[in-house]
Protein backbone atom coordinates (compact mmCIF):
# COMPACT_ATOMS: atom_id res chain seq x y z
CA MET A 1 5.43 -12.44 -14.20
CA SER A 2 4.45 -10.20 -17.06
CA ASP A 3 6.66 -7.60 -18.67
CA THR A 4 4.34 -4.89 -17.34
CA GLY A 5 4.91 -5.96 -13.76
CA GLU A 6 8.64 -6.30 -14.25
CA CYS A 7 8.88 -2.80 -15.69
CA LEU A 8 6.86 -1.19 -12.90
CA ALA A 9 8.88 -2.83 -10.15
CA ASN A 10 12.16 -1.83 -11.76
CA SER A 11 11.02 1.71 -12.50
CA LEU A 12 10.12 2.21 -8.83
CA GLY A 13 13.60 1.14 -7.82
CA LEU A 14 12.30 -1.36 -5.27
CA LYS A 15 13.56 -4.65 -6.70
CA HIS A 16 16.51 -5.18 -4.34
CA ARG A 17 16.47 -2.00 -2.29
CA GLU A 18 17.45 -3.54 1.05
CA ASP A 19 19.48 -6.45 2.37
CA TYR A 20 17.96 -9.14 4.54
CA GLU A 21 19.36 -7.88 7.84
CA SER A 22 17.88 -4.44 7.14
CA VAL A 23 14.39 -5.61 6.19
CA LYS A 24 14.10 -7.73 9.34
CA GLN A 25 14.21 -4.51 11.37
CA TYR A 26 12.36 -2.29 8.89
CA ASP A 27 9.43 -1.41 11.13
CA GLN A 28 11.68 -0.73 14.13
CA THR A 29 14.09 1.52 12.22
CA ARG A 30 11.64 3.25 9.87
CA PHE A 31 9.18 4.16 12.62
CA ARG A 32 11.64 5.08 15.34
CA SER A 33 11.10 8.85 15.71
CA ALA A 34 8.10 10.30 17.56
CA ARG A 35 6.64 11.59 14.28
CA MET A 36 6.98 8.25 12.54
CA ARG A 37 5.52 6.39 15.53
CA ARG A 38 2.46 8.61 15.25
CA LEU A 39 2.22 7.83 11.53
CA ASP A 40 2.60 4.13 12.23
CA ALA A 41 -0.30 4.30 14.69
CA ARG A 42 -2.47 6.18 12.18
CA GLU A 43 -1.70 3.70 9.42
CA LYS A 44 -2.53 0.74 11.64
CA ALA A 45 -5.78 2.43 12.69
CA PHE A 46 -6.58 2.84 8.99
CA ALA A 47 -5.82 -0.85 8.40
CA ARG A 48 -8.24 -1.77 11.21
CA LEU A 49 -10.87 0.48 9.66
CA ALA A 50 -10.45 -1.30 6.32
CA PHE A 51 -10.54 -4.69 8.04
CA ASP A 52 -13.74 -3.80 9.88
CA LEU A 53 -15.39 -3.00 6.55
CA VAL A 54 -14.97 -6.58 5.31
CA GLY A 55 -14.85 -8.56 8.57
CA PRO A 56 -13.08 -11.77 9.64
CA GLN A 57 -14.72 -13.92 6.95
CA ALA A 58 -13.06 -11.89 4.20
CA ALA A 59 -10.20 -12.63 1.86
CA ILE A 60 -7.58 -9.87 2.02
CA LEU A 61 -4.58 -8.91 -0.09
CA ASP A 62 -1.76 -6.87 1.48
CA VAL A 63 0.62 -5.56 -1.20
CA PRO A 64 3.40 -4.72 -0.68
CA CYS A 65 3.34 -6.54 2.64
CA GLY A 66 6.95 -5.78 3.62
CA ASN A 67 8.00 -7.74 6.68
CA GLY A 68 4.39 -7.92 7.86
CA ARG A 69 3.63 -4.66 9.63
CA PHE A 70 -0.13 -5.28 9.34
CA PHE A 71 0.01 -9.03 9.92
CA ASP A 72 -1.60 -8.95 13.37
CA ILE A 73 -4.62 -7.14 11.91
CA PHE A 74 -5.15 -8.90 8.60
CA SER A 75 -4.24 -12.43 9.72
CA GLN A 76 -7.55 -12.46 11.63
CA SER A 77 -9.27 -12.84 8.26
CA ARG A 78 -10.40 -16.09 6.69
CA GLN A 79 -7.73 -15.79 4.01
CA LEU A 80 -4.77 -13.43 3.76
CA THR A 81 -2.47 -13.08 0.76
CA MET A 82 0.73 -11.18 1.46
CA ALA A 83 2.57 -10.07 -1.67
CA ASP A 84 5.85 -8.27 -2.13
CA TYR A 85 8.39 -7.97 -4.94
CA SER A 86 11.26 -8.26 -2.45
CA GLU A 87 12.24 -11.85 -1.64
CA ASN A 88 14.03 -10.54 1.45
CA MET A 89 10.86 -8.90 2.73
CA LEU A 90 8.91 -12.14 2.29
CA LYS A 91 11.64 -14.13 4.02
CA ALA A 92 11.66 -11.69 6.93
CA CYS A 93 7.87 -11.84 7.16
CA ARG A 94 7.87 -15.64 7.36
CA GLU A 95 10.56 -15.61 10.04
CA LYS A 96 8.88 -12.89 12.09
CA HIS A 97 5.27 -14.10 12.03
CA ASN A 98 5.29 -17.82 11.22
CA PRO A 99 2.08 -17.51 9.13
CA GLY A 100 -0.73 -20.01 9.63
CA LYS A 101 -2.65 -22.02 7.04
CA ASN A 102 -4.94 -19.09 6.23
CA VAL A 103 -1.97 -17.01 5.04
CA GLN A 104 -0.05 -17.30 1.79
CA LEU A 105 3.03 -15.30 0.84
CA ILE A 106 3.78 -14.66 -2.83
CA ARG A 107 6.44 -12.73 -4.71
CA SER A 108 4.68 -10.42 -7.14
CA ASP A 109 4.65 -6.99 -8.67
CA ILE A 110 1.57 -4.89 -7.97
CA ALA A 111 0.87 -4.46 -11.69
CA ALA A 112 0.87 -8.22 -12.35
CA LEU A 113 -0.74 -9.99 -9.41
CA PRO A 114 -1.09 -13.78 -9.86
CA LEU A 115 -4.64 -13.76 -8.49
CA PRO A 116 -8.00 -14.37 -10.23
CA ASP A 117 -10.42 -11.54 -10.90
CA GLY A 118 -12.49 -10.63 -7.84
CA SER A 119 -10.65 -13.05 -5.58
CA VAL A 120 -10.34 -10.79 -2.50
CA ASP A 121 -12.73 -8.60 -0.56
CA LEU A 122 -10.06 -6.02 0.25
CA ALA A 123 -6.92 -5.08 -1.67
CA PHE A 124 -4.71 -3.07 0.69
CA CYS A 125 -1.70 -1.05 -0.45
CA MET A 126 0.22 1.04 2.06
CA ARG A 127 3.32 3.17 1.32
CA LEU A 128 3.78 2.36 -2.36
CA PHE A 129 1.89 4.97 -4.38
CA HIS A 130 4.16 7.79 -3.20
CA HIS A 131 6.98 6.06 -5.08
CA MET A 132 5.02 6.38 -8.32
CA THR A 133 5.85 9.46 -10.33
CA THR A 134 3.57 9.09 -13.36
CA ASP A 135 -0.12 8.55 -13.96
CA ALA A 136 0.74 5.49 -16.06
CA MET A 137 2.26 3.83 -13.00
CA ARG A 138 -0.64 4.81 -10.75
CA SER A 139 -3.26 3.68 -13.24
CA ALA A 140 -1.57 0.33 -13.81
CA ALA A 141 -1.56 -0.34 -10.06
CA LEU A 142 -5.12 0.89 -9.58
CA ARG A 143 -6.45 -1.27 -12.41
CA GLU A 144 -4.77 -4.36 -11.02
CA LEU A 145 -5.98 -3.73 -7.47
CA ALA A 146 -9.49 -3.17 -8.81
CA ARG A 147 -9.28 -6.33 -10.90
CA VAL A 148 -8.47 -8.67 -8.01
CA SER A 149 -10.90 -7.02 -5.56
CA ARG A 150 -14.62 -7.65 -5.51
CA LYS A 151 -15.38 -5.01 -2.86
CA TYR A 152 -12.75 -2.56 -1.62
CA VAL A 153 -9.35 -1.07 -2.43
CA ALA A 154 -7.49 0.81 0.32
CA LEU A 155 -4.27 2.73 -0.28
CA SER A 156 -2.04 5.59 0.79
CA PHE A 157 -0.31 8.34 -1.18
CA TYR A 158 1.46 11.68 -0.64
CA ASN A 159 -0.83 14.70 -0.99
CA CYS A 160 0.83 17.78 -2.50
CA ARG A 161 -1.77 19.94 -0.74
CA SER A 162 -0.07 19.62 2.63
CA PHE A 163 2.18 21.80 4.76
CA ARG A 164 5.17 19.49 4.49
CA TYR A 165 5.06 19.55 0.69
CA CYS A 166 4.53 23.32 0.49
CA ARG A 167 7.45 23.90 2.87
CA LYS A 168 9.73 21.83 0.67
CA LYS A 169 8.67 23.80 -2.39
CA LEU A 170 9.05 27.13 -0.61
CA PHE A 171 12.62 26.41 0.50
CA GLY A 172 13.65 24.75 -2.76
CA ARG A 173 14.20 21.33 -1.22
CA LYS A 174 14.38 18.23 -3.36
CA ILE A 175 11.01 16.57 -3.97
CA ALA A 176 11.96 12.90 -3.82
CA HIS A 177 8.53 11.32 -4.14
CA GLY A 178 5.51 11.38 -6.39
CA TYR A 179 3.09 13.86 -4.85
CA ILE A 180 -0.41 14.34 -6.29
CA THR A 181 -3.72 15.80 -5.16
CA ALA A 182 -6.47 13.73 -3.62
CA GLY A 183 -8.78 14.83 -6.41
CA HIS A 184 -6.40 13.66 -9.10
CA LEU A 185 -5.93 10.24 -7.54
CA THR A 186 -9.69 9.91 -7.09
CA ALA A 187 -10.15 10.64 -10.80
CA LEU A 188 -7.61 7.95 -11.73
CA ALA A 189 -9.36 5.50 -9.41
CA ARG A 190 -12.69 6.31 -11.03
CA GLU A 191 -11.24 5.38 -14.41
CA ALA A 192 -10.27 2.03 -12.88
CA GLY A 193 -13.86 1.44 -11.72
CA LEU A 194 -13.47 2.61 -8.14
CA SER A 195 -15.43 5.18 -6.15
CA LEU A 196 -14.19 6.93 -3.00
CA VAL A 197 -15.96 6.03 0.24
CA HIS A 198 -13.51 7.11 2.97
CA ARG A 199 -10.52 9.44 3.38
CA VAL A 200 -8.08 9.88 6.29
CA PRO A 201 -7.44 12.67 7.09
CA LYS A 202 -10.26 14.70 5.58
CA VAL A 203 -7.79 17.56 4.99
CA ASN A 204 -3.98 17.28 5.01
CA LEU A 205 -3.08 20.20 7.23
CA VAL A 206 0.49 19.16 8.09
CA GLU A 207 1.35 15.60 7.12
CA GLN A 208 1.56 14.58 3.48
CA GLN A 209 0.36 11.03 4.08
CA CYS A 210 -3.22 10.54 2.93
CA MET A 211 -5.20 7.28 2.99
CA MET A 212 -8.30 6.38 1.02
CA ILE A 213 -10.74 3.51 0.75
CA PHE A 214 -12.45 2.94 -2.60
CA GLU A 215 -15.40 0.72 -3.39
CA LYS A 216 -15.58 -1.26 -6.60
CA LYS A 217 -18.44 -0.09 -8.80
């Protein structure tokens, strides 16, 4: 793994963030409330939308894959690569899903993926960009996702033009994540050779979570 990848993983504070017993139940505990269950459903619907773009004959990368929240969707593809920097997450994913021959699990940082250029049809990244607090981090990840994809890059981020963010600012609450505007992220993606083709939701009225699909130019 390159020094760039090592630095990005460490700077995000995700290297050993959870023990094995915790990561096994990540999806059950993280998406337990009614609000989070709704978000989980929206994110899975977005994953299906991205999958439908490339179809079952595609090669797909899911990074970070966690304990395999999108496994049931993406494992229908011809080839699925599930990558995560957490060894515990990968171990939990293997135990939970018992991946078939069309699935490979690799430990990797998003900024240093051990994959050839243009080796997947879809590079999918859910719930990582909101941990990034600088454009250098975002650009490094975008460039690497664009490098390994030959068609699409799909990702999520936290939009600062949302009610939840504005409420935090108004009441002086701690801003714990890296919020940006959709326009700013789109500009960074353009620099990485990606053009926006789909956004969910079109406008962030309440929730901060925003999801986008980019096409490689």
